[in-house]
């Protein structure tokens, strides 16, 4: 049985990912990057060691770049998904306009 934390447990040597599986794997990787960001930032905020704080926050920022890379790749692999993101973006813009009135 594959582990939830590793989408490739049974795929590595036995076959290549389908397009749909690749898209799901990229979404999974995005979630993992966000989880790592949370872990690094929370740890940095939980220590008074300045060196550790700086290193952890630097690594967290690198993970944010990875999210951007994955999102760009996802946009290329599944252009229709981008439409949903844009719809959500516009909905928040509308709420912001209402709040500024």
Protein backbone atom coordinates (compact mmCIF):
# COMPACT_ATOMS: atom_id res chain seq x y z
CA UNK A 1 0.00 0.00 0.00
CA UNK A 2 1.46 3.41 -0.92
CA UNK A 3 2.12 5.96 1.77
CA UNK A 4 0.01 9.13 1.63
CA UNK A 5 3.17 11.17 2.14
CA UNK A 6 4.84 9.63 -0.92
CA UNK A 7 2.76 9.59 -4.13
CA UNK A 8 5.53 7.73 -5.95
CA UNK A 9 5.83 4.65 -3.73
CA UNK A 10 4.56 2.28 -6.40
CA UNK A 11 5.26 4.30 -9.54
CA UNK A 12 9.01 4.80 -9.60
CA UNK A 13 9.97 1.73 -11.58
CA UNK A 14 6.71 0.20 -12.55
CA UNK A 15 5.32 2.86 -14.92
CA UNK A 16 5.26 6.55 -15.77
CA UNK A 17 2.67 8.91 -14.33
CA UNK A 18 -0.36 9.71 -16.41
CA UNK A 19 -1.02 13.38 -17.08
CA UNK A 20 -3.76 13.43 -14.45
CA UNK A 21 -1.50 11.77 -11.88
CA UNK A 22 1.24 14.29 -12.61
CA UNK A 23 -1.18 17.18 -12.03
CA UNK A 24 -2.26 15.64 -8.71
CA UNK A 25 1.37 15.06 -7.73
CA UNK A 26 2.18 18.74 -8.42
CA UNK A 27 -0.76 19.81 -6.24
CA UNK A 28 0.53 17.51 -3.53
CA UNK A 29 4.00 19.07 -3.83
CA UNK A 30 2.50 22.56 -3.48
CA UNK A 31 0.76 21.46 -0.29
CA UNK A 32 4.03 20.00 1.00
CA UNK A 33 5.83 23.30 0.34
CA UNK A 34 3.18 25.22 2.28
CA UNK A 35 3.49 22.73 5.13
CA UNK A 36 7.27 23.23 5.16
CA UNK A 37 6.86 27.03 5.18
CA UNK A 38 4.58 26.75 8.20
CA UNK A 39 7.02 24.47 10.02
CA UNK A 40 10.06 26.68 9.38
CA UNK A 41 8.31 29.93 10.27
CA UNK A 42 6.72 28.48 13.39
CA UNK A 43 10.07 27.10 14.54
CA UNK A 44 11.77 30.45 13.87
CA UNK A 45 9.11 32.23 15.91
CA UNK A 46 9.52 29.72 18.73
CA UNK A 47 13.22 30.26 19.36
CA UNK A 48 15.32 33.18 20.52
CA UNK A 49 18.40 31.89 18.69
CA UNK A 50 19.03 34.59 16.06
CA UNK A 51 21.11 32.40 13.73
CA UNK A 52 18.44 29.71 13.68
CA UNK A 53 15.73 32.31 13.07
CA UNK A 54 17.59 33.79 10.11
CA UNK A 55 18.36 30.42 8.53
CA UNK A 56 14.83 29.08 9.04
CA UNK A 57 13.21 32.20 7.60
CA UNK A 58 15.57 32.12 4.63
CA UNK A 59 14.64 28.51 3.95
CA UNK A 60 10.93 29.36 4.33
CA UNK A 61 11.33 32.05 1.67
CA UNK A 62 13.02 29.54 -0.64
CA UNK A 63 10.01 27.26 -0.19
CA UNK A 64 7.76 30.14 -1.25
CA UNK A 65 9.76 30.36 -4.47
CA UNK A 66 9.20 26.65 -4.97
CA UNK A 67 5.44 27.23 -4.61
CA UNK A 68 5.67 29.80 -7.39
CA UNK A 69 7.55 27.37 -9.61
CA UNK A 70 5.03 24.61 -8.99
CA UNK A 71 2.08 26.95 -9.59
CA UNK A 72 3.61 28.06 -12.89
CA UNK A 73 4.15 24.44 -13.90
CA UNK A 74 0.60 23.58 -12.89
CA UNK A 75 -0.69 26.46 -15.01
CA UNK A 76 1.09 24.94 -18.00
CA UNK A 77 -0.05 21.38 -17.29
CA UNK A 78 -3.69 22.26 -16.53
CA UNK A 79 -4.63 25.67 -17.96
CA UNK A 80 -8.28 25.23 -16.95
CA UNK A 81 -7.29 25.15 -13.28
CA UNK A 82 -5.84 28.64 -13.63
CA UNK A 83 -9.33 29.88 -14.52
CA UNK A 84 -10.57 28.83 -11.09
CA UNK A 85 -7.71 30.69 -9.40
CA UNK A 86 -8.49 33.82 -11.40
CA UNK A 87 -12.17 33.55 -10.48
CA UNK A 88 -11.25 33.36 -6.79
CA UNK A 89 -8.86 36.29 -7.18
CA UNK A 90 -11.64 38.39 -8.71
CA UNK A 91 -14.06 37.46 -5.93
CA UNK A 92 -11.62 38.75 -3.31
CA UNK A 93 -11.08 41.92 -5.36
CA UNK A 94 -14.84 42.51 -5.32
CA UNK A 95 -14.96 42.07 -1.54
CA UNK A 96 -12.06 44.50 -1.14
CA UNK A 97 -13.88 47.08 -3.25
CA UNK A 98 -16.97 46.74 -1.07
CA UNK A 99 -14.93 47.10 2.12
CA UNK A 100 -13.26 50.28 0.84
CA UNK A 101 -16.61 52.00 0.23
